[in-house]
Protein backbone atom coordinates (compact mmCIF):
# COMPACT_ATOMS: atom_id res chain seq x y z
CA LEU A 1 14.12 1.67 -23.15
CA ASN A 2 11.97 3.64 -20.75
CA TYR A 3 14.07 5.04 -17.88
CA TYR A 4 11.23 4.85 -15.34
CA ARG A 5 10.45 1.23 -16.16
CA SER A 6 14.09 0.33 -15.66
CA PHE A 7 15.07 2.48 -12.69
CA GLY A 8 11.92 4.09 -11.29
CA LYS A 9 9.95 3.16 -8.23
CA MET A 10 7.32 0.45 -8.38
CA CYS A 11 3.94 0.68 -6.68
CA SER A 12 3.86 -1.68 -3.70
CA GLY A 13 0.18 -2.36 -4.43
CA CYS A 14 0.00 -3.16 -8.14
CA MET A 15 3.74 -3.57 -8.85
CA ARG A 16 3.53 -1.19 -11.83
CA THR A 17 5.87 1.71 -12.51
CA VAL A 18 5.26 4.97 -10.66
CA TYR A 19 5.76 7.93 -12.97
CA PRO A 20 6.53 11.49 -11.78
CA GLU A 21 3.06 12.73 -12.75
CA ASP A 22 1.27 9.95 -10.80
CA TRP A 23 -0.53 10.79 -7.56
CA VAL A 24 0.98 8.62 -4.85
CA ARG A 25 0.94 7.89 -1.14
CA PHE A 26 3.82 6.71 0.99
CA ALA A 27 3.31 4.30 3.86
CA ALA A 28 4.23 6.12 7.07
CA GLY A 29 7.76 5.51 8.25
CA SER A 30 8.96 4.22 4.90
CA THR A 31 9.91 6.09 1.76
CA SER A 32 10.42 2.79 -0.07
CA SER A 33 6.74 1.80 0.13
CA VAL A 34 5.03 3.97 -2.46
CA TYR A 35 1.50 3.35 -3.72
CA HIS A 36 -0.61 4.79 -6.51
CA LEU A 37 -3.48 6.70 -4.95
CA ALA A 38 -5.98 4.04 -6.06
CA CYS A 39 -3.72 1.23 -4.83
CA PHE A 40 -3.61 2.61 -1.29
CA SER A 41 -6.63 0.52 -0.33
CA CYS A 42 -7.35 -2.09 2.29
CA VAL A 43 -6.56 -5.55 0.93
CA SER A 44 -9.50 -7.02 2.85
CA CYS A 45 -12.39 -4.66 2.08
CA LYS A 46 -10.87 -2.88 -0.97
CA ARG A 47 -11.82 0.53 0.46
CA GLN A 48 -9.50 3.36 -0.60
CA LEU A 49 -7.92 4.98 2.44
CA SER A 50 -8.10 8.74 2.96
CA THR A 51 -5.51 11.23 4.12
CA GLY A 52 -5.16 11.13 7.90
CA GLU A 53 -6.94 7.81 8.26
CA GLN A 54 -5.26 5.23 10.46
CA TYR A 55 -4.09 2.02 8.79
CA GLY A 56 -1.62 -0.81 9.19
CA VAL A 57 0.89 -2.39 6.80
CA VAL A 58 1.91 -6.05 6.92
CA ASN A 59 4.33 -7.33 4.27
CA GLU A 60 3.59 -4.35 1.97
CA ALA A 61 -0.16 -5.06 2.25
CA VAL A 62 -2.27 -2.13 3.48
CA TYR A 63 -5.17 -2.70 5.89
CA CYS A 64 -7.79 -0.29 7.19
CA LEU A 65 -7.71 0.05 10.98
CA THR A 66 -10.62 -2.37 11.46
CA HIS A 67 -9.03 -5.16 9.43
CA TYR A 68 -5.56 -4.45 10.81
CA ASN A 69 -6.87 -4.89 14.36
CA GLU A 70 -8.61 -8.12 13.31
CA LEU A 71 -5.32 -9.31 11.85
CA LEU A 72 -3.49 -8.56 15.09
CA ALA A 73 -6.17 -10.41 17.07
CA ASP A 74 -5.83 -13.50 14.83
CA PRO A 75 -2.22 -13.80 13.56
CA SER A 76 -3.06 -17.00 11.62
CA GLU A 77 -4.83 -14.75 9.08
CA GLN A 78 -1.47 -13.25 8.03
CA SER A 79 -0.52 -16.39 6.14
CA LYS A 80 -3.64 -16.30 3.94
């Protein structure tokens, strides 16, 4: 039984195991939300976010600043 599959962290984007050698990003303010580098992408436009770029997180879903602001302007979009 693989230790990391049983007890390791899971990527909040793809829900797969995060291994020690994987490149990851943490959502600001939370050490529990860890993402593979490729999974740290906007759920709307699929663009991978860069270091230092502003973003928003809603229910573990990452949004670029543009789409996050659109989401805040129209809260009904959160349920989609």
